[in-house]
C-alpha atoms as a PDB file:
ATOM      1  CA  MET A   1     169.784  76.688 140.564  1.00  0.00           C
ATOM      2  CA  THR A   2     166.110  75.933 141.045  1.00  0.00           C
ATOM      3  CA  ARG A   3     165.217  79.539 140.315  1.00  0.00           C
ATOM      4  CA  ARG A   4     167.310  79.447 137.146  1.00  0.00           C
ATOM      5  CA  ARG A   5     165.630  76.249 135.955  1.00  0.00           C
ATOM      6  CA  ASP A   6     162.191  77.748 136.678  1.00  0.00           C
ATOM      7  CA  PHE A   7     163.128  80.912 134.837  1.00  0.00           C
ATOM      8  CA  LEU A   8     164.306  78.989 131.769  1.00  0.00           C
ATOM      9  CA  LYS A   9     161.215  76.776 131.904  1.00  0.00           C
ATOM     10  CA  ASN A  10     158.858  79.763 132.090  1.00  0.00           C
ATOM     11  CA  THR A  11     160.767  81.610 129.390  1.00  0.00           C
ATOM     12  CA  GLY A  12     160.519  78.589 127.093  1.00  0.00           C
ATOM     13  CA  ALA A  13     156.785  78.319 127.708  1.00  0.00           C
ATOM     14  CA  LEU A  14     156.298  81.994 126.910  1.00  0.00           C
ATOM     15  CA  ALA A  15     158.335  81.609 123.732  1.00  0.00           C
ATOM     16  CA  LEU A  16     156.223  78.663 122.599  1.00  0.00           C
ATOM     17  CA  ALA A  17     153.059  80.567 123.416  1.00  0.00           C
ATOM     18  CA  GLY A  18     154.339  83.514 121.409  1.00  0.00           C
ATOM     19  CA  LEU A  19     155.039  81.291 118.413  1.00  0.00           C
ATOM     20  CA  ALA A  20     151.597  79.758 118.646  1.00  0.00           C
ATOM     21  CA  PHE A  21     150.033  83.226 118.788  1.00  0.00           C
ATOM     22  CA  GLN A  22     152.014  84.313 115.737  1.00  0.00           C
ATOM     23  CA  ASN A  23     150.917  81.194 113.842  1.00  0.00           C
ATOM     24  CA  VAL A  24     147.270  81.824 114.686  1.00  0.00           C
ATOM     25  CA  ASN A  25     147.606  85.436 113.574  1.00  0.00           C
ATOM     26  CA  ALA A  26     149.364  84.405 110.371  1.00  0.00           C
ATOM     27  CA  ARG A  27     146.648  81.905 109.543  1.00  0.00           C
ATOM     28  CA  SER A  28     143.974  84.503 110.265  1.00  0.00           C
ATOM     29  CA  PHE A  29     145.756  87.124 108.199  1.00  0.00           C
ATOM     30  CA  PHE A  30     146.324  84.974 105.139  1.00  0.00           C
ATOM     31  CA  SER A  31     143.093  82.959 105.187  1.00  0.00           C
ATOM     32  CA  PRO A  32     140.397  84.143 102.748  1.00  0.00           C
ATOM     33  CA  SER A  33     137.367  85.920 104.140  1.00  0.00           C
ATOM     34  CA  ALA A  34     134.500  83.631 105.034  1.00  0.00           C
ATOM     35  CA  HIS A  35     131.970  86.386 104.372  1.00  0.00           C
ATOM     36  CA  LEU A  36     130.704  88.223 101.295  1.00  0.00           C
ATOM     37  CA  ASP A  37     132.981  91.234 100.959  1.00  0.00           C
ATOM     38  CA  LYS A  38     130.569  93.233  98.782  1.00  0.00           C
ATOM     39  CA  ILE A  39     126.817  92.964  98.395  1.00  0.00           C
ATOM     40  CA  GLY A  40     124.735  94.786  95.827  1.00  0.00           C
ATOM     41  CA  VAL A  41     121.082  95.700  95.479  1.00  0.00           C
ATOM     42  CA  GLN A  42     118.897  95.647  92.368  1.00  0.00           C
ATOM     43  CA  LEU A  43     117.157  99.014  92.110  1.00  0.00           C
ATOM     44  CA  PHE A  44     113.858  97.358  91.167  1.00  0.00           C
ATOM     45  CA  SER A  45     113.633  96.732  94.907  1.00  0.00           C
ATOM     46  CA  ILE A  46     113.191 100.452  95.621  1.00  0.00           C
ATOM     47  CA  PRO A  47     111.839 102.272  92.534  1.00  0.00           C
ATOM     48  CA  LYS A  48     109.288 104.407  94.352  1.00  0.00           C
ATOM     49  CA  LEU A  49     111.967 105.843  96.638  1.00  0.00           C
ATOM     50  CA  LEU A  50     114.147 106.538  93.610  1.00  0.00           C
ATOM     51  CA  GLU A  51     111.307 108.385  91.874  1.00  0.00           C
ATOM     52  CA  LYS A  52     110.988 110.697  94.876  1.00  0.00           C
ATOM     53  CA  ASP A  53     114.673 111.253  95.672  1.00  0.00           C
ATOM     54  CA  PHE A  54     117.361 109.431  93.719  1.00  0.00           C
ATOM     55  CA  ALA A  55     120.329 111.025  95.486  1.00  0.00           C
ATOM     56  CA  GLY A  56     118.865 110.596  98.960  1.00  0.00           C
ATOM     57  CA  THR A  57     117.993 106.966  98.267  1.00  0.00           C
ATOM     58  CA  MET A  58     121.526 106.204  97.072  1.00  0.00           C
ATOM     59  CA  LYS A  59     122.832 107.754 100.285  1.00  0.00           C
ATOM     60  CA  MET A  60     120.540 105.446 102.282  1.00  0.00           C
ATOM     61  CA  VAL A  61     121.649 102.396 100.256  1.00  0.00           C
ATOM     62  CA  ALA A  62     125.311 103.173 100.925  1.00  0.00           C
ATOM     63  CA  SER A  63     124.681 103.793 104.633  1.00  0.00           C
ATOM     64  CA  VAL A  64     123.235 100.279 104.959  1.00  0.00           C
ATOM     65  CA  GLY A  65     126.542  98.868 103.696  1.00  0.00           C
ATOM     66  CA  PHE A  66     125.808  98.009 100.084  1.00  0.00           C
ATOM     67  CA  LYS A  67     128.753  98.473  97.711  1.00  0.00           C
ATOM     68  CA  GLU A  68     127.053  97.866  94.361  1.00  0.00           C
ATOM     69  CA  VAL A  69     123.764  98.689  92.627  1.00  0.00           C
ATOM     70  CA  GLU A  70     122.190  97.166  89.535  1.00  0.00           C
ATOM     71  CA  LEU A  71     120.072  99.366  87.269  1.00  0.00           C
ATOM     72  CA  PHE A  72     116.942  98.408  85.319  1.00  0.00           C
ATOM     73  CA  GLY A  73     115.465  99.873  82.149  1.00  0.00           C
ATOM     74  CA  PRO A  74     114.094 101.169  79.937  1.00  0.00           C
ATOM     75  CA  TYR A  75     116.620 103.961  79.493  1.00  0.00           C
ATOM     76  CA  PRO A  76     116.607 107.098  77.313  1.00  0.00           C
ATOM     77  CA  PHE A  77     118.408 105.146  74.564  1.00  0.00           C
ATOM     78  CA  SER A  78     116.091 102.090  74.759  1.00  0.00           C
ATOM     79  CA  THR A  79     113.970 101.269  71.712  1.00  0.00           C
ATOM     80  CA  ASP A  80     110.408 102.516  71.388  1.00  0.00           C
ATOM     81  CA  GLU A  81     109.284  98.889  71.593  1.00  0.00           C
ATOM     82  CA  ALA A  82     110.921  98.535  75.019  1.00  0.00           C
ATOM     83  CA  LYS A  83     109.390 101.776  76.270  1.00  0.00           C
ATOM     84  CA  GLN A  84     105.903 100.754  75.122  1.00  0.00           C
ATOM     85  CA  ARG A  85     106.185  97.353  76.795  1.00  0.00           C
ATOM     86  CA  TRP A  86     107.138  99.127  80.022  1.00  0.00           C
ATOM     87  CA  LYS A  87     104.181 101.492  79.769  1.00  0.00           C
ATOM     88  CA  ALA A  88     101.863  98.505  79.434  1.00  0.00           C
ATOM     89  CA  ILE A  89     102.839  97.143  82.863  1.00  0.00           C
ATOM     90  CA  GLU A  90     103.029 100.481  84.713  1.00  0.00           C
ATOM     91  CA  PRO A  91      99.482 100.116  86.095  1.00  0.00           C
ATOM     92  CA  GLN A  92     100.373  96.692  87.500  1.00  0.00           C
ATOM     93  CA  VAL A  93     103.619  97.742  89.195  1.00  0.00           C
ATOM     94  CA  GLY A  94     102.365 101.115  90.406  1.00  0.00           C
ATOM     95  CA  PHE A  95     105.243 103.365  89.292  1.00  0.00           C
ATOM     96  CA  SER A  96     106.666 104.746  86.072  1.00  0.00           C
ATOM     97  CA  GLY A  97     110.322 105.551  86.803  1.00  0.00           C
ATOM     98  CA  SER A  98     113.198 103.474  85.472  1.00  0.00           C
ATOM     99  CA  GLY A  99     116.655 103.799  84.008  1.00  0.00           C
ATOM    100  CA  TYR A 100     118.174 107.036  85.302  1.00  0.00           C
ATOM    101  CA  PHE A 101     114.958 108.411  86.853  1.00  0.00           C
ATOM    102  CA  GLY A 102     115.083 111.653  84.893  1.00  0.00           C
ATOM    103  CA  LEU A 103     118.779 112.312  85.531  1.00  0.00           C
ATOM    104  CA  THR A 104     121.639 112.384  83.060  1.00  0.00           C
ATOM    105  CA  ILE A 105     124.282 109.683  83.004  1.00  0.00           C
ATOM    106  CA  LYS A 106     126.797 112.218  84.326  1.00  0.00           C
ATOM    107  CA  GLU A 107     124.516 113.094  87.241  1.00  0.00           C
ATOM    108  CA  VAL A 108     123.906 109.421  88.093  1.00  0.00           C
ATOM    109  CA  LYS A 109     127.633 108.695  87.985  1.00  0.00           C
ATOM    110  CA  LYS A 110     128.426 111.566  90.357  1.00  0.00           C
ATOM    111  CA  ILE A 111     125.786 110.473  92.866  1.00  0.00           C
ATOM    112  CA  LEU A 112     127.111 106.907  92.821  1.00  0.00           C
ATOM    113  CA  ASP A 113     130.717 108.064  93.193  1.00  0.00           C
ATOM    114  CA  ASP A 114     129.807 110.425  96.030  1.00  0.00           C
ATOM    115  CA  ASN A 115     128.367 107.442  97.913  1.00  0.00           C
ATOM    116  CA  GLY A 116     131.101 104.930  97.092  1.00  0.00           C
ATOM    117  CA  LEU A 117     128.771 102.784  94.988  1.00  0.00           C
ATOM    118  CA  ALA A 118     129.778 100.797  91.908  1.00  0.00           C
ATOM    119  CA  THR A 119     127.338  99.571  89.276  1.00  0.00           C
ATOM    120  CA  PRO A 120     128.770  96.499  87.551  1.00  0.00           C
ATOM    121  CA  SER A 121     125.552  95.513  85.774  1.00  0.00           C
ATOM    122  CA  MET A 122     122.357  96.772  84.175  1.00  0.00           C
ATOM    123  CA  HIS A 123     119.112  95.101  83.083  1.00  0.00           C
ATOM    124  CA  THR A 124     117.862  95.912  79.596  1.00  0.00           C
ATOM    125  CA  ASP A 125     115.699  94.184  76.967  1.00  0.00           C
ATOM    126  CA  LEU A 126     116.086  92.088  73.832  1.00  0.00           C
ATOM    127  CA  SER A 127     115.027  94.831  71.414  1.00  0.00           C
ATOM    128  CA  THR A 128     117.602  97.274  72.780  1.00  0.00           C
ATOM    129  CA  LEU A 129     120.305  94.613  72.870  1.00  0.00           C
ATOM    130  CA  LYS A 130     119.693  93.858  69.198  1.00  0.00           C
ATOM    131  CA  ASN A 131     119.219  97.400  67.918  1.00  0.00           C
ATOM    132  CA  LYS A 132     120.908  99.875  70.281  1.00  0.00           C
ATOM    133  CA  MET A 133     124.030  98.062  71.451  1.00  0.00           C
ATOM    134  CA  GLY A 134     126.335 100.931  70.501  1.00  0.00           C
ATOM    135  CA  GLU A 135     124.494 103.527  72.585  1.00  0.00           C
ATOM    136  CA  MET A 136     124.076 101.055  75.425  1.00  0.00           C
ATOM    137  CA  ALA A 137     127.794 100.222  75.445  1.00  0.00           C
ATOM    138  CA  GLU A 138     128.631 103.926  75.586  1.00  0.00           C
ATOM    139  CA  ALA A 139     126.382 104.322  78.624  1.00  0.00           C
ATOM    140  CA  ALA A 140     127.784 101.159  80.192  1.00  0.00           C
ATOM    141  CA  HIS A 141     131.349 102.434  79.923  1.00  0.00           C
ATOM    142  CA  ALA A 142     130.372 105.821  81.345  1.00  0.00           C
ATOM    143  CA  LEU A 143     128.774 104.229  84.411  1.00  0.00           C
ATOM    144  CA  GLY A 144     131.140 101.291  84.860  1.00  0.00           C
ATOM    145  CA  HIS A 145     128.835  98.417  83.858  1.00  0.00           C
ATOM    146  CA  ASN A 146     130.659  95.217  82.911  1.00  0.00           C
ATOM    147  CA  TYR A 147     127.488  93.230  82.246  1.00  0.00           C
ATOM    148  CA  VAL A 148     124.399  94.113  80.184  1.00  0.00           C
ATOM    149  CA  ILE A 149     121.689  91.658  81.146  1.00  0.00           C
ATOM    150  CA  LEU A 150     118.516  90.386  79.521  1.00  0.00           C
ATOM    151  CA  PRO A 151     116.158  89.956  82.496  1.00  0.00           C
ATOM    152  CA  SER A 152     113.742  87.543  80.800  1.00  0.00           C
ATOM    153  CA  TYR A 153     112.955  85.889  77.505  1.00  0.00           C
ATOM    154  CA  GLU A 154     109.698  84.647  76.010  1.00  0.00           C
ATOM    155  CA  THR A 155     108.753  81.006  76.286  1.00  0.00           C
ATOM    156  CA  GLN A 156     109.547  79.309  72.980  1.00  0.00           C
ATOM    157  CA  PRO A 157     107.232  76.676  71.448  1.00  0.00           C
ATOM    158  CA  THR A 158     109.886  74.161  70.363  1.00  0.00           C
ATOM    159  CA  LEU A 159     113.480  73.147  70.960  1.00  0.00           C
ATOM    160  CA  ASP A 160     114.316  74.424  67.483  1.00  0.00           C
ATOM    161  CA  ALA A 161     113.035  77.835  68.536  1.00  0.00           C
ATOM    162  CA  TYR A 162     115.234  77.714  71.641  1.00  0.00           C
ATOM    163  CA  GLN A 163     118.182  76.849  69.398  1.00  0.00           C
ATOM    164  CA  ARG A 164     117.451  79.978  67.345  1.00  0.00           C
ATOM    165  CA  LEU A 165     117.310  81.969  70.593  1.00  0.00           C
ATOM    166  CA  ALA A 166     120.711  80.551  71.581  1.00  0.00           C
ATOM    167  CA  ASP A 167     122.064  81.651  68.179  1.00  0.00           C
ATOM    168  CA  GLN A 168     120.724  85.172  68.841  1.00  0.00           C
ATOM    169  CA  PHE A 169     122.391  85.198  72.240  1.00  0.00           C
ATOM    170  CA  ASN A 170     125.726  84.251  70.669  1.00  0.00           C
ATOM    171  CA  GLU A 171     125.387  87.083  68.144  1.00  0.00           C
ATOM    172  CA  ILE A 172     124.493  89.588  70.869  1.00  0.00           C
ATOM    173  CA  GLY A 173     127.364  88.341  73.034  1.00  0.00           C
ATOM    174  CA  ALA A 174     129.847  88.689  70.176  1.00  0.00           C
ATOM    175  CA  HIS A 175     128.693  92.257  69.491  1.00  0.00           C
ATOM    176  CA  ALA A 176     128.916  93.139  73.180  1.00  0.00           C
ATOM    177  CA  LYS A 177     132.435  91.705  73.409  1.00  0.00           C
ATOM    178  CA  LYS A 178     133.595  93.828  70.476  1.00  0.00           C
ATOM    179  CA  LEU A 179     132.360  96.890  72.337  1.00  0.00           C
ATOM    180  CA  GLY A 180     134.129  95.940  75.574  1.00  0.00           C
ATOM    181  CA  ILE A 181     131.174  94.703  77.639  1.00  0.00           C
ATOM    182  CA  ARG A 182     129.648  91.324  78.492  1.00  0.00           C
ATOM    183  CA  PHE A 183     126.189  89.991  77.716  1.00  0.00           C
ATOM    184  CA  ALA A 184     124.309  87.848  80.242  1.00  0.00           C
ATOM    185  CA  PHE A 185     120.775  86.538  80.617  1.00  0.00           C
ATOM    186  CA  HIS A 186     118.687  86.175  83.770  1.00  0.00           C
ATOM    187  CA  ASN A 187     116.193  83.379  84.326  1.00  0.00           C
ATOM    188  CA  HIS A 188     112.592  83.421  85.419  1.00  0.00           C
ATOM    189  CA  GLY A 189     110.550  80.221  85.643  1.00  0.00           C
ATOM    190  CA  ASN A 190     110.213  79.304  82.000  1.00  0.00           C
ATOM    191  CA  GLY A 191     112.501  76.839  80.298  1.00  0.00           C
ATOM    192  CA  LEU A 192     113.240  74.812  83.420  1.00  0.00           C
ATOM    193  CA  HIS A 193     111.354  71.652  82.460  1.00  0.00           C
ATOM    194  CA  GLU A 194     111.814  69.153  79.654  1.00  0.00           C
ATOM    195  CA  ILE A 195     109.819  69.681  76.461  1.00  0.00           C
ATOM    196  CA  GLU A 196     109.201  67.400  73.495  1.00  0.00           C
ATOM    197  CA  GLY A 197     110.276  64.560  75.774  1.00  0.00           C
ATOM    198  CA  LYS A 198     113.894  65.397  74.981  1.00  0.00           C
ATOM    199  CA  LYS A 199     115.508  68.406  76.618  1.00  0.00           C
ATOM    200  CA  VAL A 200     115.238  71.127  79.252  1.00  0.00           C
ATOM    201  CA  PRO A 201     115.295  74.437  77.312  1.00  0.00           C
ATOM    202  CA  LEU A 202     117.600  76.175  79.812  1.00  0.00           C
ATOM    203  CA  ASP A 203     120.106  73.338  79.405  1.00  0.00           C
ATOM    204  CA  LEU A 204     119.962  73.825  75.642  1.00  0.00           C
ATOM    205  CA  LEU A 205     120.514  77.580  75.962  1.00  0.00           C
ATOM    206  CA  ILE A 206     123.516  77.098  78.224  1.00  0.00           C
ATOM    207  CA  GLU A 207     125.048  74.270  76.205  1.00  0.00           C
ATOM    208  CA  LYS A 208     124.523  75.947  72.824  1.00  0.00           C
ATOM    209  CA  THR A 209     125.902  79.360  73.798  1.00  0.00           C
ATOM    210  CA  ASP A 210     129.590  80.224  73.802  1.00  0.00           C
ATOM    211  CA  PRO A 211     130.847  80.590  77.409  1.00  0.00           C
ATOM    212  CA  GLU A 212     133.201  83.333  76.210  1.00  0.00           C
ATOM    213  CA  LEU A 213     130.293  85.355  74.840  1.00  0.00           C
ATOM    214  CA  VAL A 214     127.232  84.554  76.942  1.00  0.00           C
ATOM    215  CA  PHE A 215     127.126  84.673  80.748  1.00  0.00           C
ATOM    216  CA  LEU A 216     124.326  83.980  83.196  1.00  0.00           C
ATOM    217  CA  GLN A 217     122.631  85.610  86.142  1.00  0.00           C
ATOM    218  CA  MET A 218     120.642  83.328  88.434  1.00  0.00           C
ATOM    219  CA  ASP A 219     117.598  84.496  90.325  1.00  0.00           C
ATOM    220  CA  ILE A 220     117.320  81.966  93.129  1.00  0.00           C
ATOM    221  CA  TYR A 221     113.677  82.812  93.908  1.00  0.00           C
ATOM    222  CA  TRP A 222     112.448  82.323  90.347  1.00  0.00           C
ATOM    223  CA  THR A 223     114.583  79.202  89.962  1.00  0.00           C
ATOM    224  CA  GLN A 224     113.001  77.699  93.073  1.00  0.00           C
ATOM    225  CA  ALA A 225     109.509  78.829  91.983  1.00  0.00           C
ATOM    226  CA  GLY A 226     110.157  77.042  88.686  1.00  0.00           C
ATOM    227  CA  GLY A 227     110.779  73.795  90.549  1.00  0.00           C
ATOM    228  CA  THR A 228     114.573  73.623  90.173  1.00  0.00           C
ATOM    229  CA  SER A 229     117.286  73.580  92.847  1.00  0.00           C
ATOM    230  CA  PRO A 230     119.496  76.708  92.611  1.00  0.00           C
ATOM    231  CA  ALA A 231     122.463  74.888  94.203  1.00  0.00           C
ATOM    232  CA  ALA A 232     122.185  71.962  91.787  1.00  0.00           C
ATOM    233  CA  LEU A 233     122.071  74.294  88.781  1.00  0.00           C
ATOM    234  CA  LEU A 234     125.135  76.198  90.012  1.00  0.00           C
ATOM    235  CA  ASP A 235     126.995  72.913  90.416  1.00  0.00           C
ATOM    236  CA  LYS A 236     125.931  71.713  86.980  1.00  0.00           C
ATOM    237  CA  TYR A 237     127.343  74.748  85.158  1.00  0.00           C
ATOM    238  CA  PRO A 238     130.488  75.974  86.945  1.00  0.00           C
ATOM    239  CA  GLY A 239     131.887  79.175  85.522  1.00  0.00           C
ATOM    240  CA  ARG A 240     128.738  80.171  83.642  1.00  0.00           C
ATOM    241  CA  TYR A 241     126.898  82.024  86.401  1.00  0.00           C
ATOM    242  CA  ARG A 242     128.675  85.313  87.178  1.00  0.00           C
ATOM    243  CA  LEU A 243     125.897  87.184  89.002  1.00  0.00           C
ATOM    244  CA  ILE A 244     123.139  86.074  91.360  1.00  0.00           C
ATOM    245  CA  HIS A 245     119.934  87.638  92.669  1.00  0.00           C
ATOM    246  CA  LEU A 246     119.319  86.840  96.325  1.00  0.00           C
ATOM    247  CA  LYS A 247     115.927  86.906  98.007  1.00  0.00           C
ATOM    248  CA  ASP A 248     113.992  84.634 100.336  1.00  0.00           C
ATOM    249  CA  MET A 249     110.631  82.870 100.104  1.00  0.00           C
ATOM    250  CA  LYS A 250     107.949  82.799 102.811  1.00  0.00           C
ATOM    251  CA  LYS A 251     106.897  79.320 101.736  1.00  0.00           C
ATOM    252  CA  ASP A 252     107.903  77.017  98.902  1.00  0.00           C
ATOM    253  CA  VAL A 253     105.621  78.264  96.105  1.00  0.00           C
ATOM    254  CA  ARG A 254     105.412  77.504  92.379  1.00  0.00           C
ATOM    255  CA  PHE A 255     104.323  79.436  89.307  1.00  0.00           C
ATOM    256  CA  SER A 256     100.729  79.037  88.175  1.00  0.00           C
ATOM    257  CA  GLY A 257     102.062  78.292  84.679  1.00  0.00           C
ATOM    258  CA  ASP A 258     105.490  78.148  83.094  1.00  0.00           C
ATOM    259  CA  GLY A 259     106.688  81.352  84.783  1.00  0.00           C
ATOM    260  CA  GLY A 260     107.226  83.153  81.513  1.00  0.00           C
ATOM    261  CA  ASP A 261     105.150  86.341  81.834  1.00  0.00           C
ATOM    262  CA  PRO A 262     104.845  89.337  84.201  1.00  0.00           C
ATOM    263  CA  LYS A 263     101.395  88.292  85.469  1.00  0.00           C
ATOM    264  CA  GLN A 264     102.867  85.095  86.940  1.00  0.00           C
ATOM    265  CA  TRP A 265     105.814  86.980  88.478  1.00  0.00           C
ATOM    266  CA  ILE A 266     103.576  89.576  90.123  1.00  0.00           C
ATOM    267  CA  GLU A 267     101.403  86.778  91.560  1.00  0.00           C
ATOM    268  CA  LEU A 268     104.400  85.542  93.545  1.00  0.00           C
ATOM    269  CA  TRP A 269     105.664  88.912  94.829  1.00  0.00           C
ATOM    270  CA  PRO A 270     103.673  88.543  98.100  1.00  0.00           C
ATOM    271  CA  TYR A 271     105.640  85.400  98.951  1.00  0.00           C
ATOM    272  CA  MET A 272     109.020  87.171  98.854  1.00  0.00           C
ATOM    273  CA  ALA A 273     110.706  87.578 102.227  1.00  0.00           C
ATOM    274  CA  ASP A 274     113.672  89.352 103.793  1.00  0.00           C
ATOM    275  CA  ALA A 275     116.887  87.366 103.482  1.00  0.00           C
ATOM    276  CA  GLY A 276     117.120  84.827 106.276  1.00  0.00           C
ATOM    277  CA  SER A 277     113.446  84.952 107.231  1.00  0.00           C
ATOM    278  CA  GLY A 278     112.111  82.415 104.722  1.00  0.00           C
ATOM    279  CA  VAL A 279     112.495  78.786 103.661  1.00  0.00           C
ATOM    280  CA  LEU A 280     115.440  79.078 101.238  1.00  0.00           C
ATOM    281  CA  ASP A 281     118.823  77.824 102.466  1.00  0.00           C
ATOM    282  CA  LEU A 282     120.710  80.970 101.486  1.00  0.00           C
ATOM    283  CA  LYS A 283     123.954  79.937 103.148  1.00  0.00           C
ATOM    284  CA  ASN A 284     124.049  76.700 101.158  1.00  0.00           C
ATOM    285  CA  ILE A 285     123.124  78.415  97.885  1.00  0.00           C
ATOM    286  CA  ILE A 286     125.748  81.141  98.328  1.00  0.00           C
ATOM    287  CA  THR A 287     128.398  78.550  99.218  1.00  0.00           C
ATOM    288  CA  HIS A 288     127.646  76.723  95.953  1.00  0.00           C
ATOM    289  CA  ALA A 289     127.621  80.059  94.103  1.00  0.00           C
ATOM    290  CA  LYS A 290     131.127  80.920  95.333  1.00  0.00           C
ATOM    291  CA  LYS A 291     132.414  77.513  94.229  1.00  0.00           C
ATOM    292  CA  SER A 292     130.711  77.961  90.855  1.00  0.00           C
ATOM    293  CA  GLY A 293     132.435  81.295  90.167  1.00  0.00           C
ATOM    294  CA  VAL A 294     129.741  83.875  90.920  1.00  0.00           C
ATOM    295  CA  GLU A 295     131.272  87.367  91.155  1.00  0.00           C
ATOM    296  CA  HIS A 296     128.355  89.600  92.137  1.00  0.00           C
ATOM    297  CA  TYR A 297     125.777  88.940  94.886  1.00  0.00           C
ATOM    298  CA  ILE A 298     122.758  91.201  94.476  1.00  0.00           C
ATOM    299  CA  LEU A 299     119.840  91.507  96.861  1.00  0.00           C
ATOM    300  CA  GLU A 300     116.557  91.882  95.026  1.00  0.00           C
ATOM    301  CA  ARG A 301     113.121  91.935  96.566  1.00  0.00           C
ATOM    302  CA  ASP A 302     110.757  93.332  93.975  1.00  0.00           C
ATOM    303  CA  LEU A 303     109.051  96.506  95.292  1.00  0.00           C
ATOM    304  CA  VAL A 304     110.067  95.689  98.852  1.00  0.00           C
ATOM    305  CA  PRO A 305     107.686  97.038 101.505  1.00  0.00           C
ATOM    306  CA  ASP A 306     109.262  99.310 104.140  1.00  0.00           C
ATOM    307  CA  PRO A 307     112.692  99.347 102.446  1.00  0.00           C
ATOM    308  CA  GLU A 308     114.276 101.448 105.206  1.00  0.00           C
ATOM    309  CA  ILE A 309     113.666  98.480 107.544  1.00  0.00           C
ATOM    310  CA  ALA A 310     113.830  95.540 105.128  1.00  0.00           C
ATOM    311  CA  LEU A 311     117.091  96.403 103.347  1.00  0.00           C
ATOM    312  CA  PRO A 312     119.218  96.711 106.524  1.00  0.00           C
ATOM    313  CA  LYS A 313     117.692  93.494 107.861  1.00  0.00           C
ATOM    314  CA  SER A 314     118.526  91.534 104.702  1.00  0.00           C
ATOM    315  CA  TYR A 315     121.974  93.111 104.414  1.00  0.00           C
ATOM    316  CA  LYS A 316     122.852  92.265 108.013  1.00  0.00           C
ATOM    317  CA  TYR A 317     121.844  88.641 107.489  1.00  0.00           C
ATOM    318  CA  LEU A 318     123.776  88.236 104.224  1.00  0.00           C
ATOM    319  CA  ALA A 319     126.883  90.030 105.466  1.00  0.00           C
ATOM    320  CA  GLY A 320     126.926  87.879 108.595  1.00  0.00           C
ATOM    321  CA  LEU A 321     126.812  84.514 106.838  1.00  0.00           C
ATOM    322  CA  ASP A 322     129.909  82.348 107.321  1.00  0.00           C
ATOM    323  CA  ILE A 323     130.373  80.782 103.912  1.00  0.00           C
ATOM    324  CA  GLY A 324     134.004  79.710 104.226  1.00  0.00           C
END
């Protein structure tokens, strides 16, 4: 009788343990991932490698673990104005390649597909957005871009001028929507502080643009360099930011001016750091980004030194973050 009672007791314990194990497994199976499931890289991080060997560089990017890439212009279809502006800064950046790096759209698409890379977004310019939207949309559909992004805009002298810029953005966004793509703009340092004693220009741009037509991409480094908290801005405008540029900062630096021109951006390139090795609280920012509705997380470290070492290091840090 004792043996029978012991047997039943042990069997019951095993059954309870089995149920507990199943419950743990079920919770693990159905709980959302606490990590970023796909991380992209902005190709402005590695332009010199792309100039030398586009296909080989894409193979390296994929081998690190990246799933997405973001292109930058000008492109063959960009306006002459955009191409001339690019030529003017070539001596400062030290390279000339951009867009498709001498390849055709079909060739770029094949290389990306061969390496399992998607390209949900592209950087362009205001002139091309206003005058070449049709050709740009055709290219976007061929490559799989959902977002065409204005990477910067000129500092405006008055709030009325920012209102006119917001009106332009709405017009561009409406045109993009008709052609099956989405328009977004990316911040630098300008427009982050109150002017005329009344309003922060970025707030005006966000509030005066239609959320169905105009989306946003945050660059956390430039936001911080402009003296604004990335997490606070993400919380303030849930649903507006759909893409985010991730990079770290060696020390908490600020622009020498308003942050609205390439000279001021280039001045701060030396303070960029591999993800996880600087002063920015990336885990906190990404957690706020997820809650705010960000869809695409893109590593960008402008002209990163030693990319074969730096990119895997940053990827490993970002992919390992527990942001549940």
